[in-house]
Amino acid sequence: MKTIAITIDETLLDRLEQVAAGRGGGAANRSKLIRDAVAEYVRRLERAAADEREAAIVDRHRARLARQATAALRAQAKP
């Protein structure tokens, strides 16, 4: 694990301190809280990027997928 320095406005730092205090307080808890928040944010960014890539693939193949879905529905509807 590496130690880094960040700049954070006082209002947000105060809010962070309050949340950290509610979880047991201390600088170690504050650091963990920040690590957890950053990790969650990175996961969300990665998921959003994956969703965008998947949406682009679906868009590229939309017409073919629609034809295949229609054919499958017709095949299921046959008595």
PDB file of N, CA and C in Angstrom:
ATOM      1  N   MET A   1       0.856  -1.168   0.000  1.00  0.00           N
ATOM      2  CA  MET A   1       0.000   0.000   0.000  1.00  0.00           C
ATOM      3  C   MET A   1       0.901   1.229   0.000  1.00  0.00           C
ATOM      4  N   LYS A   2       0.490   2.243  -0.723  1.00  0.00           N
ATOM      5  CA  LYS A   2       1.253   3.481  -0.803  1.00  0.00           C
ATOM      6  C   LYS A   2       0.514   4.595  -0.082  1.00  0.00           C
ATOM      7  N   THR A   3       1.273   5.543   0.389  1.00  0.00           N
ATOM      8  CA  THR A   3       0.705   6.727   1.020  1.00  0.00           C
ATOM      9  C   THR A   3       0.724   7.848  -0.005  1.00  0.00           C
ATOM     10  N   ILE A   4      -0.412   8.547  -0.132  1.00  0.00           N
ATOM     11  CA  ILE A   4      -0.511   9.673  -1.052  1.00  0.00           C
ATOM     12  C   ILE A   4      -1.037  10.882  -0.290  1.00  0.00           C
ATOM     13  N   ALA A   5      -0.932  12.033  -0.902  1.00  0.00           N
ATOM     14  CA  ALA A   5      -1.489  13.253  -0.317  1.00  0.00           C
ATOM     15  C   ALA A   5      -2.584  13.758  -1.244  1.00  0.00           C
ATOM     16  N   ILE A   6      -3.681  14.212  -0.674  1.00  0.00           N
ATOM     17  CA  ILE A   6      -4.759  14.797  -1.468  1.00  0.00           C
ATOM     18  C   ILE A   6      -5.145  16.134  -0.848  1.00  0.00           C
ATOM     19  N   THR A   7      -5.752  16.959  -1.657  1.00  0.00           N
ATOM     20  CA  THR A   7      -6.286  18.234  -1.175  1.00  0.00           C
ATOM     21  C   THR A   7      -7.800  18.094  -1.152  1.00  0.00           C
ATOM     22  N   ILE A   8      -8.398  18.483  -0.033  1.00  0.00           N
ATOM     23  CA  ILE A   8      -9.840  18.334   0.129  1.00  0.00           C
ATOM     24  C   ILE A   8     -10.365  19.571   0.852  1.00  0.00           C
ATOM     25  N   ASP A   9     -11.510  20.079   0.397  1.00  0.00           N
ATOM     26  CA  ASP A   9     -12.021  21.293   1.039  1.00  0.00           C
ATOM     27  C   ASP A   9     -12.490  20.982   2.460  1.00  0.00           C
ATOM     28  N   GLU A  10     -12.502  22.002   3.288  1.00  0.00           N
ATOM     29  CA  GLU A  10     -12.782  21.802   4.715  1.00  0.00           C
ATOM     30  C   GLU A  10     -14.185  21.288   4.992  1.00  0.00           C
ATOM     31  N   THR A  11     -15.141  21.731   4.205  1.00  0.00           N
ATOM     32  CA  THR A  11     -16.514  21.280   4.417  1.00  0.00           C
ATOM     33  C   THR A  11     -16.617  19.773   4.207  1.00  0.00           C
ATOM     34  N   LEU A  12     -16.031  19.285   3.132  1.00  0.00           N
ATOM     35  CA  LEU A  12     -16.059  17.856   2.870  1.00  0.00           C
ATOM     36  C   LEU A  12     -15.244  17.094   3.915  1.00  0.00           C
ATOM     37  N   LEU A  13     -14.128  17.658   4.327  1.00  0.00           N
ATOM     38  CA  LEU A  13     -13.314  17.023   5.360  1.00  0.00           C
ATOM     39  C   LEU A  13     -14.099  16.915   6.667  1.00  0.00           C
ATOM     40  N   ASP A  14     -14.835  17.957   7.022  1.00  0.00           N
ATOM     41  CA  ASP A  14     -15.657  17.907   8.238  1.00  0.00           C
ATOM     42  C   ASP A  14     -16.709  16.798   8.136  1.00  0.00           C
ATOM     43  N   ARG A  15     -17.334  16.691   6.984  1.00  0.00           N
ATOM     44  CA  ARG A  15     -18.331  15.635   6.786  1.00  0.00           C
ATOM     45  C   ARG A  15     -17.686  14.262   6.879  1.00  0.00           C
ATOM     46  N   LEU A  16     -16.514  14.140   6.292  1.00  0.00           N
ATOM     47  CA  LEU A  16     -15.777  12.884   6.353  1.00  0.00           C
ATOM     48  C   LEU A  16     -15.412  12.531   7.786  1.00  0.00           C
ATOM     49  N   GLU A  17     -14.970  13.510   8.554  1.00  0.00           N
ATOM     50  CA  GLU A  17     -14.627  13.291   9.962  1.00  0.00           C
ATOM     51  C   GLU A  17     -15.838  12.808  10.746  1.00  0.00           C
ATOM     52  N   GLN A  18     -17.001  13.392  10.470  1.00  0.00           N
ATOM     53  CA  GLN A  18     -18.220  12.989  11.175  1.00  0.00           C
ATOM     54  C   GLN A  18     -18.580  11.548  10.857  1.00  0.00           C
ATOM     55  N   VAL A  19     -18.480  11.181   9.593  1.00  0.00           N
ATOM     56  CA  VAL A  19     -18.786   9.802   9.201  1.00  0.00           C
ATOM     57  C   VAL A  19     -17.775   8.853   9.824  1.00  0.00           C
ATOM     58  N   ALA A  20     -16.495   9.220   9.766  1.00  0.00           N
ATOM     59  CA  ALA A  20     -15.440   8.371  10.343  1.00  0.00           C
ATOM     60  C   ALA A  20     -15.640   8.218  11.849  1.00  0.00           C
ATOM     61  N   ALA A  21     -16.030   9.293  12.518  1.00  0.00           N
ATOM     62  CA  ALA A  21     -16.252   9.233  13.964  1.00  0.00           C
ATOM     63  C   ALA A  21     -17.396   8.276  14.298  1.00  0.00           C
ATOM     64  N   GLY A  22     -18.402   8.250  13.450  1.00  0.00           N
ATOM     65  CA  GLY A  22     -19.524   7.356  13.662  1.00  0.00           C
ATOM     66  C   GLY A  22     -19.165   5.897  13.435  1.00  0.00           C
ATOM     67  N   ARG A  23     -18.024   5.658  12.806  1.00  0.00           N
ATOM     68  CA  ARG A  23     -17.577   4.289  12.525  1.00  0.00           C
ATOM     69  C   ARG A  23     -16.410   3.892  13.418  1.00  0.00           C
ATOM     70  N   GLY A  24     -16.194   4.604  14.470  1.00  0.00           N
ATOM     71  CA  GLY A  24     -15.111   4.252  15.375  1.00  0.00           C
ATOM     72  C   GLY A  24     -14.011   5.292  15.438  1.00  0.00           C
ATOM     73  N   GLY A  25     -14.073   6.277  14.552  1.00  0.00           N
ATOM     74  CA  GLY A  25     -13.143   7.396  14.581  1.00  0.00           C
ATOM     75  C   GLY A  25     -11.714   7.045  14.264  1.00  0.00           C
ATOM     76  N   GLY A  26     -10.845   8.040  14.367  1.00  0.00           N
ATOM     77  CA  GLY A  26      -9.417   7.846  14.162  1.00  0.00           C
ATOM     78  C   GLY A  26      -8.987   8.033  12.724  1.00  0.00           C
ATOM     79  N   ALA A  27      -7.710   8.379  12.565  1.00  0.00           N
ATOM     80  CA  ALA A  27      -7.154   8.622  11.235  1.00  0.00           C
ATOM     81  C   ALA A  27      -7.149   7.350  10.397  1.00  0.00           C
ATOM     82  N   ALA A  28      -6.894   6.206  11.006  1.00  0.00           N
ATOM     83  CA  ALA A  28      -6.881   4.951  10.256  1.00  0.00           C
ATOM     84  C   ALA A  28      -8.260   4.673   9.668  1.00  0.00           C
ATOM     85  N   ASN A  29      -9.298   4.935  10.445  1.00  0.00           N
ATOM     86  CA  ASN A  29     -10.651   4.731   9.957  1.00  0.00           C
ATOM     87  C   ASN A  29     -10.974   5.719   8.836  1.00  0.00           C
ATOM     88  N   ARG A  30     -10.511   6.950   8.967  1.00  0.00           N
ATOM     89  CA  ARG A  30     -10.724   7.956   7.919  1.00  0.00           C
ATOM     90  C   ARG A  30     -10.048   7.501   6.624  1.00  0.00           C
ATOM     91  N   SER A  31      -8.834   6.998   6.732  1.00  0.00           N
ATOM     92  CA  SER A  31      -8.117   6.521   5.551  1.00  0.00           C
ATOM     93  C   SER A  31      -8.849   5.353   4.907  1.00  0.00           C
ATOM     94  N   LYS A  32      -9.340   4.440   5.733  1.00  0.00           N
ATOM     95  CA  LYS A  32     -10.079   3.294   5.196  1.00  0.00           C
ATOM     96  C   LYS A  32     -11.352   3.760   4.510  1.00  0.00           C
ATOM     97  N   LEU A  33     -12.023   4.709   5.115  1.00  0.00           N
ATOM     98  CA  LEU A  33     -13.245   5.241   4.538  1.00  0.00           C
ATOM     99  C   LEU A  33     -12.961   5.846   3.161  1.00  0.00           C
ATOM    100  N   ILE A  34     -11.884   6.590   3.039  1.00  0.00           N
ATOM    101  CA  ILE A  34     -11.513   7.190   1.757  1.00  0.00           C
ATOM    102  C   ILE A  34     -11.128   6.100   0.754  1.00  0.00           C
ATOM    103  N   ARG A  35     -10.342   5.101   1.182  1.00  0.00           N
ATOM    104  CA  ARG A  35      -9.973   3.999   0.283  1.00  0.00           C
ATOM    105  C   ARG A  35     -11.214   3.278  -0.232  1.00  0.00           C
ATOM    106  N   ASP A  36     -12.139   2.983   0.680  1.00  0.00           N
ATOM    107  CA  ASP A  36     -13.371   2.290   0.293  1.00  0.00           C
ATOM    108  C   ASP A  36     -14.187   3.125  -0.699  1.00  0.00           C
ATOM    109  N   ALA A  37     -14.263   4.425  -0.448  1.00  0.00           N
ATOM    110  CA  ALA A  37     -15.030   5.306  -1.339  1.00  0.00           C
ATOM    111  C   ALA A  37     -14.387   5.375  -2.725  1.00  0.00           C
ATOM    112  N   VAL A  38     -13.077   5.481  -2.773  1.00  0.00           N
ATOM    113  CA  VAL A  38     -12.379   5.534  -4.058  1.00  0.00           C
ATOM    114  C   VAL A  38     -12.536   4.214  -4.799  1.00  0.00           C
ATOM    115  N   ALA A  39     -12.409   3.099  -4.082  1.00  0.00           N
ATOM    116  CA  ALA A  39     -12.567   1.787  -4.712  1.00  0.00           C
ATOM    117  C   ALA A  39     -13.968   1.633  -5.305  1.00  0.00           C
ATOM    118  N   GLU A  40     -14.983   2.057  -4.572  1.00  0.00           N
ATOM    119  CA  GLU A  40     -16.359   1.980  -5.068  1.00  0.00           C
ATOM    120  C   GLU A  40     -16.548   2.870  -6.290  1.00  0.00           C
ATOM    121  N   TYR A  41     -15.978   4.065  -6.269  1.00  0.00           N
ATOM    122  CA  TYR A  41     -16.086   4.986  -7.402  1.00  0.00           C
ATOM    123  C   TYR A  41     -15.414   4.393  -8.642  1.00  0.00           C
ATOM    124  N   VAL A  42     -14.238   3.802  -8.465  1.00  0.00           N
ATOM    125  CA  VAL A  42     -13.532   3.183  -9.593  1.00  0.00           C
ATOM    126  C   VAL A  42     -14.352   2.017 -10.152  1.00  0.00           C
ATOM    127  N   ARG A  43     -14.946   1.196  -9.274  1.00  0.00           N
ATOM    128  CA  ARG A  43     -15.811   0.099  -9.741  1.00  0.00           C
ATOM    129  C   ARG A  43     -16.978   0.631 -10.575  1.00  0.00           C
ATOM    130  N   ARG A  44     -17.569   1.720 -10.130  1.00  0.00           N
ATOM    131  CA  ARG A  44     -18.691   2.298 -10.873  1.00  0.00           C
ATOM    132  C   ARG A  44     -18.239   2.807 -12.240  1.00  0.00           C
ATOM    133  N   LEU A  45     -17.076   3.463 -12.290  1.00  0.00           N
ATOM    134  CA  LEU A  45     -16.559   3.950 -13.569  1.00  0.00           C
ATOM    135  C   LEU A  45     -16.268   2.787 -14.517  1.00  0.00           C
ATOM    136  N   GLU A  46     -15.665   1.739 -13.985  1.00  0.00           N
ATOM    137  CA  GLU A  46     -15.361   0.567 -14.809  1.00  0.00           C
ATOM    138  C   GLU A  46     -16.639  -0.083 -15.320  1.00  0.00           C
ATOM    139  N   ARG A  47     -17.654  -0.211 -14.465  1.00  0.00           N
ATOM    140  CA  ARG A  47     -18.927  -0.803 -14.873  1.00  0.00           C
ATOM    141  C   ARG A  47     -19.601   0.054 -15.941  1.00  0.00           C
ATOM    142  N   ALA A  48     -19.552   1.379 -15.762  1.00  0.00           N
ATOM    143  CA  ALA A  48     -20.157   2.283 -16.744  1.00  0.00           C
ATOM    144  C   ALA A  48     -19.450   2.147 -18.093  1.00  0.00           C
ATOM    145  N   ALA A  49     -18.129   2.033 -18.084  1.00  0.00           N
ATOM    146  CA  ALA A  49     -17.383   1.858 -19.329  1.00  0.00           C
ATOM    147  C   ALA A  49     -17.749   0.534 -19.988  1.00  0.00           C
ATOM    148  N   ALA A  50     -17.867  -0.530 -19.207  1.00  0.00           N
ATOM    149  CA  ALA A  50     -18.258  -1.836 -19.756  1.00  0.00           C
ATOM    150  C   ALA A  50     -19.676  -1.764 -20.332  1.00  0.00           C
ATOM    151  N   ASP A  51     -20.582  -1.083 -19.641  1.00  0.00           N
ATOM    152  CA  ASP A  51     -21.954  -0.936 -20.131  1.00  0.00           C
ATOM    153  C   ASP A  51     -21.977  -0.186 -21.458  1.00  0.00           C
ATOM    154  N   GLU A  52     -21.147   0.853 -21.575  1.00  0.00           N
ATOM    155  CA  GLU A  52     -21.075   1.612 -22.826  1.00  0.00           C
ATOM    156  C   GLU A  52     -20.549   0.745 -23.962  1.00  0.00           C
ATOM    157  N   ARG A  53     -19.522  -0.072 -23.689  1.00  0.00           N
ATOM    158  CA  ARG A  53     -18.983  -0.962 -24.721  1.00  0.00           C
ATOM    159  C   ARG A  53     -20.051  -1.966 -25.162  1.00  0.00           C
ATOM    160  N   GLU A  54     -20.777  -2.539 -24.202  1.00  0.00           N
ATOM    161  CA  GLU A  54     -21.818  -3.507 -24.522  1.00  0.00           C
ATOM    162  C   GLU A  54     -22.952  -2.858 -25.314  1.00  0.00           C
ATOM    163  N   ALA A  55     -23.329  -1.638 -24.950  1.00  0.00           N
ATOM    164  CA  ALA A  55     -24.391  -0.933 -25.674  1.00  0.00           C
ATOM    165  C   ALA A  55     -23.964  -0.653 -27.111  1.00  0.00           C
ATOM    166  N   ALA A  56     -22.692  -0.319 -27.314  1.00  0.00           N
ATOM    167  CA  ALA A  56     -22.188  -0.070 -28.669  1.00  0.00           C
ATOM    168  C   ALA A  56     -22.249  -1.346 -29.506  1.00  0.00           C
ATOM    169  N   ILE A  57     -21.942  -2.482 -28.898  1.00  0.00           N
ATOM    170  CA  ILE A  57     -22.011  -3.767 -29.612  1.00  0.00           C
ATOM    171  C   ILE A  57     -23.452  -4.066 -30.009  1.00  0.00           C
ATOM    172  N   VAL A  58     -24.382  -3.886 -29.079  1.00  0.00           N
ATOM    173  CA  VAL A  58     -25.801  -4.133 -29.373  1.00  0.00           C
ATOM    174  C   VAL A  58     -26.268  -3.194 -30.480  1.00  0.00           C
ATOM    175  N   ASP A  59     -25.867  -1.918 -30.416  1.00  0.00           N
ATOM    176  CA  ASP A  59     -26.265  -0.965 -31.453  1.00  0.00           C
ATOM    177  C   ASP A  59     -25.746  -1.377 -32.829  1.00  0.00           C
ATOM    178  N   ARG A  60     -24.502  -1.864 -32.883  1.00  0.00           N
ATOM    179  CA  ARG A  60     -23.924  -2.281 -34.164  1.00  0.00           C
ATOM    180  C   ARG A  60     -24.677  -3.470 -34.763  1.00  0.00           C
ATOM    181  N   HIS A  61     -25.249  -4.296 -33.920  1.00  0.00           N
ATOM    182  CA  HIS A  61     -25.896  -5.516 -34.383  1.00  0.00           C
ATOM    183  C   HIS A  61     -27.418  -5.492 -34.202  1.00  0.00           C
ATOM    184  N   ARG A  62     -27.955  -4.314 -33.990  1.00  0.00           N
ATOM    185  CA  ARG A  62     -29.377  -4.170 -33.679  1.00  0.00           C
ATOM    186  C   ARG A  62     -30.292  -4.822 -34.727  1.00  0.00           C
ATOM    187  N   ALA A  63     -30.056  -4.564 -35.998  1.00  0.00           N
ATOM    188  CA  ALA A  63     -30.940  -5.083 -37.039  1.00  0.00           C
ATOM    189  C   ALA A  63     -30.902  -6.619 -37.061  1.00  0.00           C
ATOM    190  N   ARG A  64     -29.717  -7.190 -36.993  1.00  0.00           N
ATOM    191  CA  ARG A  64     -29.605  -8.650 -37.013  1.00  0.00           C
ATOM    192  C   ARG A  64     -30.260  -9.264 -35.780  1.00  0.00           C
ATOM    193  N   LEU A  65     -30.056  -8.651 -34.619  1.00  0.00           N
ATOM    194  CA  LEU A  65     -30.668  -9.157 -33.386  1.00  0.00           C
ATOM    195  C   LEU A  65     -32.187  -9.094 -33.459  1.00  0.00           C
ATOM    196  N   ALA A  66     -32.702  -8.021 -34.050  1.00  0.00           N
ATOM    197  CA  ALA A  66     -34.159  -7.890 -34.187  1.00  0.00           C
ATOM    198  C   ALA A  66     -34.704  -8.982 -35.099  1.00  0.00           C
ATOM    199  N   ARG A  67     -33.999  -9.253 -36.209  1.00  0.00           N
ATOM    200  CA  ARG A  67     -34.443 -10.324 -37.116  1.00  0.00           C
ATOM    201  C   ARG A  67     -34.416 -11.674 -36.406  1.00  0.00           C
ATOM    202  N   GLN A  68     -33.360 -11.936 -35.658  1.00  0.00           N
ATOM    203  CA  GLN A  68     -33.257 -13.210 -34.946  1.00  0.00           C
ATOM    204  C   GLN A  68     -34.339 -13.349 -33.884  1.00  0.00           C
ATOM    205  N   ALA A  69     -34.635 -12.276 -33.177  1.00  0.00           N
ATOM    206  CA  ALA A  69     -35.678 -12.319 -32.150  1.00  0.00           C
ATOM    207  C   ALA A  69     -37.041 -12.571 -32.777  1.00  0.00           C
ATOM    208  N   THR A  70     -37.306 -11.913 -33.901  1.00  0.00           N
ATOM    209  CA  THR A  70     -38.578 -12.108 -34.599  1.00  0.00           C
ATOM    210  C   THR A  70     -38.713 -13.549 -35.083  1.00  0.00           C
ATOM    211  N   ALA A  71     -37.631 -14.086 -35.632  1.00  0.00           N
ATOM    212  CA  ALA A  71     -37.656 -15.470 -36.110  1.00  0.00           C
ATOM    213  C   ALA A  71     -37.885 -16.433 -34.947  1.00  0.00           C
ATOM    214  N   ALA A  72     -37.263 -16.189 -33.813  1.00  0.00           N
ATOM    215  CA  ALA A  72     -37.441 -17.061 -32.649  1.00  0.00           C
ATOM    216  C   ALA A  72     -38.876 -17.001 -32.142  1.00  0.00           C
ATOM    217  N   LEU A  73     -39.458 -15.824 -32.112  1.00  0.00           N
ATOM    218  CA  LEU A  73     -40.854 -15.687 -31.663  1.00  0.00           C
ATOM    219  C   LEU A  73     -41.809 -16.406 -32.610  1.00  0.00           C
ATOM    220  N   ARG A  74     -41.540 -16.274 -33.910  1.00  0.00           N
ATOM    221  CA  ARG A  74     -42.411 -16.952 -34.870  1.00  0.00           C
ATOM    222  C   ARG A  74     -42.294 -18.461 -34.720  1.00  0.00           C
ATOM    223  N   ALA A  75     -41.085 -18.955 -34.498  1.00  0.00           N
ATOM    224  CA  ALA A  75     -40.884 -20.399 -34.336  1.00  0.00           C
ATOM    225  C   ALA A  75     -41.591 -20.912 -33.081  1.00  0.00           C
ATOM    226  N   GLN A  76     -41.600 -20.132 -32.034  1.00  0.00           N
ATOM    227  CA  GLN A  76     -42.269 -20.545 -30.793  1.00  0.00           C
ATOM    228  C   GLN A  76     -43.779 -20.483 -30.922  1.00  0.00           C
ATOM    229  N   ALA A  77     -44.269 -19.603 -31.770  1.00  0.00           N
ATOM    230  CA  ALA A  77     -45.718 -19.410 -31.910  1.00  0.00           C
ATOM    231  C   ALA A  77     -46.360 -20.480 -32.793  1.00  0.00           C
ATOM    232  N   LYS A  78     -45.562 -21.224 -33.544  1.00  0.00           N
ATOM    233  CA  LYS A  78     -46.120 -22.253 -34.413  1.00  0.00           C
ATOM    234  C   LYS A  78     -46.698 -23.386 -33.577  1.00  0.00           C
ATOM    235  N   PRO A  79     -47.914 -23.850 -33.973  1.00  0.00           N
ATOM    236  CA  PRO A  79     -48.547 -24.942 -33.214  1.00  0.00           C
ATOM    237  C   PRO A  79     -47.845 -26.273 -33.413  1.00  0.00           C
TER     238      PRO A  79
END
